[in-house]
Amino acid sequence: MTPQPGSLTPSARVIALDVGGTSVKSALVAPGGQVIGKPSITPVDSSGETDSILETFAQIISTHLAENYTSNLLGVALGFPGPFDYPAGICLIEGVEKYGAIYGVNMRYALGARVNLGDLPILFRNDAEAAVVGEARYGVGRDYQRLIGVTLGTGCGSAFLADGVPVTSGPGVPPNGWLYAMLFRGLRADDVFSSRGLESRLGSAGIIERNVKDAAESARAGDIVARQVFEAFGTDLGSFLDSHAVAFAAEAVLVLGQIAGAMDLFGPALRQTLSVPALPGERGHDAALLGAADLLLFHSHERKHP
């Protein structure tokens, strides 16, 4: 359900960043789910040195700051992968190839020291949560009050929402609303409902095209075995999500991320095993920018606990 912007003026803007492992999408976002212009995509060397990473972010913010000289800027909001202390703005990523150099860095202070934002806030949100919130408020989920969203890609991200606000505890809700660590048949959801999980299924079935996109094209072209792999993926995803959907009293599940591009293949089986509608997103890459900006546009960073 899309909230009303209250006292925000049409000229209000947020500089929003969606931080990935190889690039950063960014744009100015206005009230009502409006991304101004075409989002920028800036390469980032996430395995690089601390200063290099921080300067990339600072330059992105500075560029949008220069574009925004006539508007009412509310601040900067970043959708960032975890682990991360989002309220404090401290990166906690370690032991992987991306962003290890900024482990323990207070990003709010570091970016504030590099970009002259005055007293404007810099806020952070989990990248998957940002995508789900953006799609829930301004996309296919806008007519629903209670939603579960999953982002299926390199991992399995998720968020549970009530009236567009993340819920982090309660019936059916895993800690922080994160499903990735929950077990499905003895395996972590992150290892099952992700690109590597789907590629593992394809390999076990003897599919030569291990890449998800190529395998999907083969399935659409008539490869019965590939089609069966996608159908089994959908059945298992529905089985995994349904108990959470029932306990949370979700009205629908949003399915986002790169793997959602194959929803025509796994969606029918997913819907057969899920007791609520399963909806692919409609805002695409804009969703995460909108969800990040939402922290400042609607102050929805205050958590609800049913």
C-alpha atoms as a PDB file:
ATOM      1  CA  MET A   1       0.000   0.000   0.000  1.00  0.00           C
ATOM      2  CA  THR A   2       1.580   3.292  -1.100  1.00  0.00           C
ATOM      3  CA  PRO A   3       1.701   5.858   1.712  1.00  0.00           C
ATOM      4  CA  GLN A   4       1.075   9.532   1.133  1.00  0.00           C
ATOM      5  CA  PRO A   5       4.107  11.798   1.074  1.00  0.00           C
ATOM      6  CA  GLY A   6       2.571  14.217   3.554  1.00  0.00           C
ATOM      7  CA  SER A   7       4.329  17.574   3.606  1.00  0.00           C
ATOM      8  CA  LEU A   8       6.950  16.719   0.974  1.00  0.00           C
ATOM      9  CA  THR A   9       7.048  19.153  -1.913  1.00  0.00           C
ATOM     10  CA  PRO A  10       7.217  17.955  -5.538  1.00  0.00           C
ATOM     11  CA  SER A  11      10.740  19.385  -5.719  1.00  0.00           C
ATOM     12  CA  ALA A  12      12.041  17.058  -2.977  1.00  0.00           C
ATOM     13  CA  ARG A  13      14.863  14.790  -4.116  1.00  0.00           C
ATOM     14  CA  VAL A  14      16.967  11.971  -2.693  1.00  0.00           C
ATOM     15  CA  ILE A  15      20.305  10.817  -4.107  1.00  0.00           C
ATOM     16  CA  ALA A  16      19.831   7.033  -4.192  1.00  0.00           C
ATOM     17  CA  LEU A  17      22.530   4.385  -4.757  1.00  0.00           C
ATOM     18  CA  ASP A  18      22.051   0.663  -5.333  1.00  0.00           C
ATOM     19  CA  VAL A  19      25.447  -0.862  -4.552  1.00  0.00           C
ATOM     20  CA  GLY A  20      26.421  -4.093  -6.308  1.00  0.00           C
ATOM     21  CA  GLY A  21      29.592  -6.113  -6.487  1.00  0.00           C
ATOM     22  CA  THR A  22      30.786  -4.744  -9.834  1.00  0.00           C
ATOM     23  CA  SER A  23      28.770  -1.563 -10.353  1.00  0.00           C
ATOM     24  CA  VAL A  24      26.671   1.044  -8.602  1.00  0.00           C
ATOM     25  CA  LYS A  25      23.323   2.180  -9.988  1.00  0.00           C
ATOM     26  CA  SER A  26      22.347   5.676  -8.919  1.00  0.00           C
ATOM     27  CA  ALA A  27      19.762   8.374  -9.583  1.00  0.00           C
ATOM     28  CA  LEU A  28      17.837  11.259  -8.130  1.00  0.00           C
ATOM     29  CA  VAL A  29      14.480  10.070  -6.791  1.00  0.00           C
ATOM     30  CA  ALA A  30      11.408  12.258  -6.301  1.00  0.00           C
ATOM     31  CA  PRO A  31       8.232  11.638  -4.247  1.00  0.00           C
ATOM     32  CA  GLY A  32       5.687   9.244  -5.691  1.00  0.00           C
ATOM     33  CA  GLY A  33       8.140   6.669  -6.981  1.00  0.00           C
ATOM     34  CA  GLN A  34       9.683   8.851  -9.675  1.00  0.00           C
ATOM     35  CA  VAL A  35      13.252   8.189 -10.794  1.00  0.00           C
ATOM     36  CA  ILE A  36      14.551  11.340 -12.457  1.00  0.00           C
ATOM     37  CA  GLY A  37      16.064  10.539 -15.838  1.00  0.00           C
ATOM     38  CA  LYS A  38      17.879   7.324 -16.645  1.00  0.00           C
ATOM     39  CA  PRO A  39      19.828   5.819 -13.725  1.00  0.00           C
ATOM     40  CA  SER A  40      23.600   5.990 -13.980  1.00  0.00           C
ATOM     41  CA  ILE A  41      25.683   2.821 -13.823  1.00  0.00           C
ATOM     42  CA  THR A  42      29.196   3.332 -12.470  1.00  0.00           C
ATOM     43  CA  PRO A  43      31.784   0.521 -12.368  1.00  0.00           C
ATOM     44  CA  VAL A  44      33.302  -0.103  -8.942  1.00  0.00           C
ATOM     45  CA  ASP A  45      36.345  -2.181  -8.028  1.00  0.00           C
ATOM     46  CA  SER A  46      34.849  -3.770  -4.930  1.00  0.00           C
ATOM     47  CA  SER A  47      38.027  -5.786  -4.357  1.00  0.00           C
ATOM     48  CA  GLY A  48      40.137  -2.617  -4.468  1.00  0.00           C
ATOM     49  CA  GLU A  49      41.636  -0.430  -1.776  1.00  0.00           C
ATOM     50  CA  THR A  50      39.634   1.517   0.797  1.00  0.00           C
ATOM     51  CA  ASP A  51      40.238   4.952  -0.714  1.00  0.00           C
ATOM     52  CA  SER A  52      39.401   3.765  -4.223  1.00  0.00           C
ATOM     53  CA  ILE A  53      36.042   2.361  -3.137  1.00  0.00           C
ATOM     54  CA  LEU A  54      35.107   5.380  -1.055  1.00  0.00           C
ATOM     55  CA  GLU A  55      36.159   7.816  -3.795  1.00  0.00           C
ATOM     56  CA  THR A  56      33.939   5.985  -6.286  1.00  0.00           C
ATOM     57  CA  PHE A  57      30.929   6.402  -3.998  1.00  0.00           C
ATOM     58  CA  ALA A  58      31.825  10.009  -3.241  1.00  0.00           C
ATOM     59  CA  GLN A  59      32.150  10.859  -6.930  1.00  0.00           C
ATOM     60  CA  ILE A  60      28.745   9.345  -7.667  1.00  0.00           C
ATOM     61  CA  ILE A  61      27.151  11.413  -4.910  1.00  0.00           C
ATOM     62  CA  SER A  62      28.983  14.571  -6.013  1.00  0.00           C
ATOM     63  CA  THR A  63      27.805  14.143  -9.599  1.00  0.00           C
ATOM     64  CA  HIS A  64      24.158  13.908  -8.539  1.00  0.00           C
ATOM     65  CA  LEU A  65      24.654  16.753  -6.090  1.00  0.00           C
ATOM     66  CA  ALA A  66      25.701  18.953  -8.992  1.00  0.00           C
ATOM     67  CA  GLU A  67      22.581  17.918 -10.918  1.00  0.00           C
ATOM     68  CA  ASN A  68      20.322  18.891  -8.041  1.00  0.00           C
ATOM     69  CA  TYR A  69      21.062  22.588  -7.620  1.00  0.00           C
ATOM     70  CA  THR A  70      17.436  23.690  -8.130  1.00  0.00           C
ATOM     71  CA  SER A  71      15.666  21.143  -5.932  1.00  0.00           C
ATOM     72  CA  ASN A  72      15.060  20.435  -2.278  1.00  0.00           C
ATOM     73  CA  LEU A  73      17.598  17.717  -1.459  1.00  0.00           C
ATOM     74  CA  LEU A  74      16.650  15.540   1.506  1.00  0.00           C
ATOM     75  CA  GLY A  75      19.857  13.509   1.694  1.00  0.00           C
ATOM     76  CA  VAL A  76      21.574  10.373   0.404  1.00  0.00           C
ATOM     77  CA  ALA A  77      20.335   6.788   0.719  1.00  0.00           C
ATOM     78  CA  LEU A  78      22.249   3.639  -0.183  1.00  0.00           C
ATOM     79  CA  GLY A  79      21.046   0.098  -0.701  1.00  0.00           C
ATOM     80  CA  PHE A  80      24.065  -1.960   0.372  1.00  0.00           C
ATOM     81  CA  PRO A  81      24.752  -5.711   0.553  1.00  0.00           C
ATOM     82  CA  GLY A  82      25.272  -7.265   3.957  1.00  0.00           C
ATOM     83  CA  PRO A  83      26.523  -7.964   6.464  1.00  0.00           C
ATOM     84  CA  PHE A  84      26.278  -4.309   7.408  1.00  0.00           C
ATOM     85  CA  ASP A  85      25.273  -2.339  10.492  1.00  0.00           C
ATOM     86  CA  TYR A  86      22.649  -0.309   8.670  1.00  0.00           C
ATOM     87  CA  PRO A  87      21.608   2.082  11.468  1.00  0.00           C
ATOM     88  CA  ALA A  88      25.246   2.900  12.282  1.00  0.00           C
ATOM     89  CA  GLY A  89      26.432   2.914   8.663  1.00  0.00           C
ATOM     90  CA  ILE A  90      29.287   0.444   9.252  1.00  0.00           C
ATOM     91  CA  CYS A  91      30.279  -2.108   6.613  1.00  0.00           C
ATOM     92  CA  LEU A  92      30.803  -5.605   8.065  1.00  0.00           C
ATOM     93  CA  ILE A  93      31.581  -7.510   4.872  1.00  0.00           C
ATOM     94  CA  GLU A  94      34.620  -9.771   5.203  1.00  0.00           C
ATOM     95  CA  GLY A  95      35.968 -13.026   3.856  1.00  0.00           C
ATOM     96  CA  VAL A  96      34.633 -12.484   0.326  1.00  0.00           C
ATOM     97  CA  GLU A  97      36.093 -10.766  -2.706  1.00  0.00           C
ATOM     98  CA  LYS A  98      33.897  -7.683  -2.526  1.00  0.00           C
ATOM     99  CA  TYR A  99      34.259  -4.690  -0.186  1.00  0.00           C
ATOM    100  CA  GLY A 100      36.658  -6.372   2.222  1.00  0.00           C
ATOM    101  CA  ALA A 101      38.793  -3.218   2.301  1.00  0.00           C
ATOM    102  CA  ILE A 102      35.998  -1.195   3.917  1.00  0.00           C
ATOM    103  CA  TYR A 103      35.272  -3.719   6.674  1.00  0.00           C
ATOM    104  CA  GLY A 104      34.647  -1.774   9.885  1.00  0.00           C
ATOM    105  CA  VAL A 105      34.538   1.563   8.075  1.00  0.00           C
ATOM    106  CA  ASN A 106      31.823   3.987   9.147  1.00  0.00           C
ATOM    107  CA  MET A 107      30.526   4.809   5.688  1.00  0.00           C
ATOM    108  CA  ARG A 108      28.424   7.704   6.935  1.00  0.00           C
ATOM    109  CA  TYR A 109      31.465   9.519   8.317  1.00  0.00           C
ATOM    110  CA  ALA A 110      33.770   8.498   5.473  1.00  0.00           C
ATOM    111  CA  LEU A 111      31.423   9.743   2.755  1.00  0.00           C
ATOM    112  CA  GLY A 112      30.476  12.847   4.732  1.00  0.00           C
ATOM    113  CA  ALA A 113      34.168  13.740   4.910  1.00  0.00           C
ATOM    114  CA  ARG A 114      34.515  13.450   1.131  1.00  0.00           C
ATOM    115  CA  VAL A 115      31.305  15.168   0.010  1.00  0.00           C
ATOM    116  CA  ASN A 116      29.980  18.463   1.325  1.00  0.00           C
ATOM    117  CA  LEU A 117      26.416  17.571   2.281  1.00  0.00           C
ATOM    118  CA  GLY A 118      26.124  19.947   5.218  1.00  0.00           C
ATOM    119  CA  ASP A 119      23.675  18.516   7.726  1.00  0.00           C
ATOM    120  CA  LEU A 120      21.917  16.261   5.247  1.00  0.00           C
ATOM    121  CA  PRO A 121      21.631  12.615   6.367  1.00  0.00           C
ATOM    122  CA  ILE A 122      23.253   9.583   4.763  1.00  0.00           C
ATOM    123  CA  LEU A 123      21.160   6.462   5.383  1.00  0.00           C
ATOM    124  CA  PHE A 124      21.649   2.785   4.565  1.00  0.00           C
ATOM    125  CA  ARG A 125      19.333  -0.136   3.858  1.00  0.00           C
ATOM    126  CA  ASN A 126      19.901  -3.774   2.945  1.00  0.00           C
ATOM    127  CA  ASP A 127      19.955  -4.023  -0.847  1.00  0.00           C
ATOM    128  CA  ALA A 128      17.376  -6.821  -1.049  1.00  0.00           C
ATOM    129  CA  GLU A 129      15.103  -5.016   1.395  1.00  0.00           C
ATOM    130  CA  ALA A 130      15.424  -1.882  -0.721  1.00  0.00           C
ATOM    131  CA  ALA A 131      14.293  -3.727  -3.855  1.00  0.00           C
ATOM    132  CA  VAL A 132      11.343  -5.319  -2.071  1.00  0.00           C
ATOM    133  CA  VAL A 133      10.245  -2.033  -0.476  1.00  0.00           C
ATOM    134  CA  GLY A 134      10.519  -0.217  -3.803  1.00  0.00           C
ATOM    135  CA  GLU A 135       8.414  -2.833  -5.573  1.00  0.00           C
ATOM    136  CA  ALA A 136       5.927  -3.006  -2.702  1.00  0.00           C
ATOM    137  CA  ARG A 137       5.322   0.730  -2.519  1.00  0.00           C
ATOM    138  CA  TYR A 138       5.617   1.745  -6.132  1.00  0.00           C
ATOM    139  CA  GLY A 139       5.215  -1.418  -8.173  1.00  0.00           C
ATOM    140  CA  VAL A 140       3.228  -4.611  -8.338  1.00  0.00           C
ATOM    141  CA  GLY A 141       2.819  -4.798  -4.543  1.00  0.00           C
ATOM    142  CA  ARG A 142       1.201  -1.396  -4.040  1.00  0.00           C
ATOM    143  CA  ASP A 143      -2.316  -2.806  -3.496  1.00  0.00           C
ATOM    144  CA  TYR A 144      -1.240  -5.238  -0.764  1.00  0.00           C
ATOM    145  CA  GLN A 145      -0.689  -4.598   2.940  1.00  0.00           C
ATOM    146  CA  ARG A 146       1.234  -7.697   4.008  1.00  0.00           C
ATOM    147  CA  LEU A 147       3.911  -8.978   1.667  1.00  0.00           C
ATOM    148  CA  ILE A 148       6.945 -11.217   1.530  1.00  0.00           C
ATOM    149  CA  GLY A 149       9.519 -10.325  -1.114  1.00  0.00           C
ATOM    150  CA  VAL A 150      12.411 -12.462  -2.311  1.00  0.00           C
ATOM    151  CA  THR A 151      15.281 -11.427  -4.563  1.00  0.00           C
ATOM    152  CA  LEU A 152      16.698 -14.422  -6.413  1.00  0.00           C
ATOM    153  CA  GLY A 153      20.151 -13.933  -7.908  1.00  0.00           C
ATOM    154  CA  THR A 154      23.663 -14.470  -6.587  1.00  0.00           C
ATOM    155  CA  GLY A 155      21.935 -15.127  -3.272  1.00  0.00           C
ATOM    156  CA  CYS A 156      18.458 -15.312  -1.788  1.00  0.00           C
ATOM    157  CA  GLY A 157      17.524 -11.923  -0.337  1.00  0.00           C
ATOM    158  CA  SER A 158      14.219 -11.209   1.357  1.00  0.00           C
ATOM    159  CA  ALA A 159      12.050  -8.820   3.319  1.00  0.00           C
ATOM    160  CA  PHE A 160       8.733  -9.077   5.149  1.00  0.00           C
ATOM    161  CA  LEU A 161       6.547  -5.969   4.945  1.00  0.00           C
ATOM    162  CA  ALA A 162       3.445  -4.685   6.719  1.00  0.00           C
ATOM    163  CA  ASP A 163       2.019  -1.532   5.138  1.00  0.00           C
ATOM    164  CA  GLY A 164       5.299  -1.113   3.283  1.00  0.00           C
ATOM    165  CA  VAL A 165       7.413  -1.170   6.445  1.00  0.00           C
ATOM    166  CA  PRO A 166       9.906  -4.005   7.087  1.00  0.00           C
ATOM    167  CA  VAL A 167       8.973  -6.448   9.840  1.00  0.00           C
ATOM    168  CA  THR A 168      11.948  -8.144  11.482  1.00  0.00           C
ATOM    169  CA  SER A 169      10.346 -10.498  13.999  1.00  0.00           C
ATOM    170  CA  GLY A 170       7.090 -12.274  14.743  1.00  0.00           C
ATOM    171  CA  PRO A 171       5.203 -15.308  13.389  1.00  0.00           C
ATOM    172  CA  GLY A 172       6.787 -16.664  10.226  1.00  0.00           C
ATOM    173  CA  VAL A 173       9.519 -14.008  10.181  1.00  0.00           C
ATOM    174  CA  PRO A 174      13.145 -15.147  10.424  1.00  0.00           C
ATOM    175  CA  PRO A 175      15.623 -12.877  12.261  1.00  0.00           C
ATOM    176  CA  ASN A 176      15.857  -9.531  10.444  1.00  0.00           C
ATOM    177  CA  GLY A 177      13.411 -10.858   7.860  1.00  0.00           C
ATOM    178  CA  TRP A 178      16.295 -12.701   6.159  1.00  0.00           C
ATOM    179  CA  LEU A 179      15.438 -16.092   4.689  1.00  0.00           C
ATOM    180  CA  TYR A 180      18.884 -16.840   3.269  1.00  0.00           C
ATOM    181  CA  ALA A 181      20.108 -18.713   6.363  1.00  0.00           C
ATOM    182  CA  MET A 182      16.935 -20.795   6.800  1.00  0.00           C
ATOM    183  CA  LEU A 183      17.259 -24.470   5.951  1.00  0.00           C
ATOM    184  CA  PHE A 184      15.492 -26.305   3.142  1.00  0.00           C
ATOM    185  CA  ARG A 185      16.097 -30.058   3.160  1.00  0.00           C
ATOM    186  CA  GLY A 186      19.243 -29.546   5.180  1.00  0.00           C
ATOM    187  CA  LEU A 187      20.699 -26.832   2.945  1.00  0.00           C
ATOM    188  CA  ARG A 188      20.721 -23.079   3.399  1.00  0.00           C
ATOM    189  CA  ALA A 189      18.144 -21.286   1.274  1.00  0.00           C
ATOM    190  CA  ASP A 190      20.969 -19.115  -0.056  1.00  0.00           C
ATOM    191  CA  ASP A 191      22.573 -22.222  -1.562  1.00  0.00           C
ATOM    192  CA  VAL A 192      19.320 -23.551  -3.037  1.00  0.00           C
ATOM    193  CA  PHE A 193      17.306 -20.571  -4.264  1.00  0.00           C
ATOM    194  CA  SER A 194      20.096 -18.693  -6.017  1.00  0.00           C
ATOM    195  CA  SER A 195      21.996 -18.763  -9.295  1.00  0.00           C
ATOM    196  CA  ARG A 196      24.489 -21.290  -7.960  1.00  0.00           C
ATOM    197  CA  GLY A 197      21.671 -23.441  -6.575  1.00  0.00           C
ATOM    198  CA  LEU A 198      19.834 -23.453  -9.882  1.00  0.00           C
ATOM    199  CA  GLU A 199      23.063 -24.065 -11.810  1.00  0.00           C
ATOM    200  CA  SER A 200      23.793 -27.014  -9.530  1.00  0.00           C
ATOM    201  CA  ARG A 201      20.379 -28.473 -10.373  1.00  0.00           C
ATOM    202  CA  LEU A 202      21.046 -27.985 -14.080  1.00  0.00           C
ATOM    203  CA  GLY A 203      24.423 -29.716 -13.802  1.00  0.00           C
ATOM    204  CA  SER A 204      22.950 -32.653 -11.888  1.00  0.00           C
ATOM    205  CA  ALA A 205      20.364 -33.064 -14.632  1.00  0.00           C
ATOM    206  CA  GLY A 206      23.075 -33.170 -17.277  1.00  0.00           C
ATOM    207  CA  ILE A 207      22.172 -29.821 -18.839  1.00  0.00           C
ATOM    208  CA  ILE A 208      25.105 -28.476 -20.838  1.00  0.00           C
ATOM    209  CA  GLU A 209      23.953 -24.839 -20.528  1.00  0.00           C
ATOM    210  CA  ARG A 210      24.740 -24.320 -16.866  1.00  0.00           C
ATOM    211  CA  ASN A 211      24.153 -20.555 -17.137  1.00  0.00           C
ATOM    212  CA  VAL A 212      20.605 -19.836 -15.941  1.00  0.00           C
ATOM    213  CA  LYS A 213      19.780 -17.528 -18.841  1.00  0.00           C
ATOM    214  CA  ASP A 214      21.008 -19.991 -21.488  1.00  0.00           C
ATOM    215  CA  ALA A 215      19.260 -22.900 -19.807  1.00  0.00           C
ATOM    216  CA  ALA A 216      16.026 -20.899 -19.725  1.00  0.00           C
ATOM    217  CA  GLU A 217      16.295 -20.269 -23.453  1.00  0.00           C
ATOM    218  CA  SER A 218      16.811 -23.999 -24.022  1.00  0.00           C
ATOM    219  CA  ALA A 219      13.758 -24.789 -21.905  1.00  0.00           C
ATOM    220  CA  ARG A 220      11.653 -22.354 -23.891  1.00  0.00           C
ATOM    221  CA  ALA A 221      12.967 -23.885 -27.110  1.00  0.00           C
ATOM    222  CA  GLY A 222      11.700 -27.325 -26.099  1.00  0.00           C
ATOM    223  CA  ASP A 223      14.357 -28.895 -23.859  1.00  0.00           C
ATOM    224  CA  ILE A 224      12.122 -30.989 -21.638  1.00  0.00           C
ATOM    225  CA  VAL A 225      14.802 -31.800 -19.053  1.00  0.00           C
ATOM    226  CA  ALA A 226      15.692 -28.122 -18.632  1.00  0.00           C
ATOM    227  CA  ARG A 227      12.019 -27.276 -18.274  1.00  0.00           C
ATOM    228  CA  GLN A 228      11.642 -29.936 -15.595  1.00  0.00           C
ATOM    229  CA  VAL A 229      14.568 -28.436 -13.643  1.00  0.00           C
ATOM    230  CA  PHE A 230      12.887 -25.026 -13.592  1.00  0.00           C
ATOM    231  CA  GLU A 231       9.568 -26.572 -12.604  1.00  0.00           C
ATOM    232  CA  ALA A 232      11.215 -28.439  -9.705  1.00  0.00           C
ATOM    233  CA  PHE A 233      12.889 -25.188  -8.639  1.00  0.00           C
ATOM    234  CA  GLY A 234       9.457 -23.506  -8.554  1.00  0.00           C
ATOM    235  CA  THR A 235       7.873 -26.348  -6.608  1.00  0.00           C
ATOM    236  CA  ASP A 236      10.627 -26.292  -4.004  1.00  0.00           C
ATOM    237  CA  LEU A 237      10.546 -22.497  -3.721  1.00  0.00           C
ATOM    238  CA  GLY A 238       6.812 -22.601  -3.111  1.00  0.00           C
ATOM    239  CA  SER A 239       7.193 -25.320  -0.487  1.00  0.00           C
ATOM    240  CA  PHE A 240       9.898 -23.311   1.253  1.00  0.00           C
ATOM    241  CA  LEU A 241       7.982 -20.022   1.252  1.00  0.00           C
ATOM    242  CA  ASP A 242       4.473 -21.220   2.005  1.00  0.00           C
ATOM    243  CA  SER A 243       4.897 -21.880   5.731  1.00  0.00           C
ATOM    244  CA  HIS A 244       6.322 -18.375   6.147  1.00  0.00           C
ATOM    245  CA  ALA A 245       3.519 -16.874   4.061  1.00  0.00           C
ATOM    246  CA  VAL A 246       0.850 -18.625   6.126  1.00  0.00           C
ATOM    247  CA  ALA A 247       2.368 -17.767   9.518  1.00  0.00           C
ATOM    248  CA  PHE A 248       2.968 -14.137   8.490  1.00  0.00           C
ATOM    249  CA  ALA A 249      -0.518 -13.862   6.954  1.00  0.00           C
ATOM    250  CA  ALA A 250       1.045 -12.578   3.736  1.00  0.00           C
ATOM    251  CA  GLU A 251      -1.347 -11.560   0.968  1.00  0.00           C
ATOM    252  CA  ALA A 252       1.217 -12.158  -1.777  1.00  0.00           C
ATOM    253  CA  VAL A 253       4.865 -12.945  -2.472  1.00  0.00           C
ATOM    254  CA  LEU A 254       6.959 -10.672  -4.686  1.00  0.00           C
ATOM    255  CA  VAL A 255       9.567 -12.500  -6.778  1.00  0.00           C
ATOM    256  CA  LEU A 256      12.429 -10.238  -7.857  1.00  0.00           C
ATOM    257  CA  GLY A 257      16.029 -10.547  -9.020  1.00  0.00           C
ATOM    258  CA  GLN A 258      17.733 -11.963 -12.093  1.00  0.00           C
ATOM    259  CA  ILE A 259      16.203 -15.428 -11.774  1.00  0.00           C
ATOM    260  CA  ALA A 260      12.731 -13.857 -11.838  1.00  0.00           C
ATOM    261  CA  GLY A 261      13.346 -13.405 -15.566  1.00  0.00           C
ATOM    262  CA  ALA A 262      12.610 -17.141 -15.865  1.00  0.00           C
ATOM    263  CA  MET A 263       9.357 -16.900 -13.933  1.00  0.00           C
ATOM    264  CA  ASP A 264       7.469 -18.071 -17.031  1.00  0.00           C
ATOM    265  CA  LEU A 265       9.239 -21.401 -16.501  1.00  0.00           C
ATOM    266  CA  PHE A 266       9.121 -21.847 -12.722  1.00  0.00           C
ATOM    267  CA  GLY A 267       6.180 -19.573 -11.861  1.00  0.00           C
ATOM    268  CA  PRO A 268       3.343 -22.060 -12.607  1.00  0.00           C
ATOM    269  CA  ALA A 269       4.868 -24.698 -10.310  1.00  0.00           C
ATOM    270  CA  LEU A 270       5.594 -22.052  -7.676  1.00  0.00           C
ATOM    271  CA  ARG A 271       1.979 -20.918  -7.705  1.00  0.00           C
ATOM    272  CA  GLN A 272       0.718 -24.493  -7.384  1.00  0.00           C
ATOM    273  CA  THR A 273       2.595 -24.980  -4.106  1.00  0.00           C
ATOM    274  CA  LEU A 274       2.153 -21.483  -2.698  1.00  0.00           C
ATOM    275  CA  SER A 275      -1.154 -20.572  -1.079  1.00  0.00           C
ATOM    276  CA  VAL A 276      -0.948 -16.866  -1.974  1.00  0.00           C
ATOM    277  CA  PRO A 277      -0.257 -15.116  -5.307  1.00  0.00           C
ATOM    278  CA  ALA A 278       3.352 -15.001  -6.559  1.00  0.00           C
ATOM    279  CA  LEU A 279       3.995 -11.764  -8.419  1.00  0.00           C
ATOM    280  CA  PRO A 280       6.993 -10.825 -10.598  1.00  0.00           C
ATOM    281  CA  GLY A 281       8.157  -7.235 -10.212  1.00  0.00           C
ATOM    282  CA  GLU A 282       7.377  -4.435 -12.642  1.00  0.00           C
ATOM    283  CA  ARG A 283       9.846  -1.709 -11.604  1.00  0.00           C
ATOM    284  CA  GLY A 284      13.008  -3.600 -12.584  1.00  0.00           C
ATOM    285  CA  HIS A 285      16.295  -1.992 -11.575  1.00  0.00           C
ATOM    286  CA  ASP A 286      14.457   1.106 -10.333  1.00  0.00           C
ATOM    287  CA  ALA A 287      12.966  -0.835  -7.405  1.00  0.00           C
ATOM    288  CA  ALA A 288      16.113  -0.822  -5.260  1.00  0.00           C
ATOM    289  CA  LEU A 289      16.693   2.905  -5.887  1.00  0.00           C
ATOM    290  CA  LEU A 290      13.111   3.658  -4.878  1.00  0.00           C
ATOM    291  CA  GLY A 291      13.364   1.490  -1.773  1.00  0.00           C
ATOM    292  CA  ALA A 292      16.595   3.143  -0.686  1.00  0.00           C
ATOM    293  CA  ALA A 293      15.189   6.633  -1.257  1.00  0.00           C
ATOM    294  CA  ASP A 294      12.107   5.636   0.709  1.00  0.00           C
ATOM    295  CA  LEU A 295      14.178   5.875   3.890  1.00  0.00           C
ATOM    296  CA  LEU A 296      14.148   9.648   3.449  1.00  0.00           C
ATOM    297  CA  LEU A 297      10.923  10.165   1.542  1.00  0.00           C
ATOM    298  CA  PHE A 298       8.728   8.416   4.101  1.00  0.00           C
ATOM    299  CA  HIS A 299      10.921   7.850   7.148  1.00  0.00           C
ATOM    300  CA  SER A 300      10.018   4.158   7.039  1.00  0.00           C
ATOM    301  CA  HIS A 301      13.250   3.033   8.655  1.00  0.00           C
ATOM    302  CA  GLU A 302      11.390   2.718  11.952  1.00  0.00           C
ATOM    303  CA  ARG A 303      10.709  -0.982  12.380  1.00  0.00           C
ATOM    304  CA  LYS A 304       7.321  -2.512  13.087  1.00  0.00           C
ATOM    305  CA  HIS A 305       6.879  -5.588  15.209  1.00  0.00           C
ATOM    306  CA  PRO A 306       3.385  -7.113  14.974  1.00  0.00           C
END
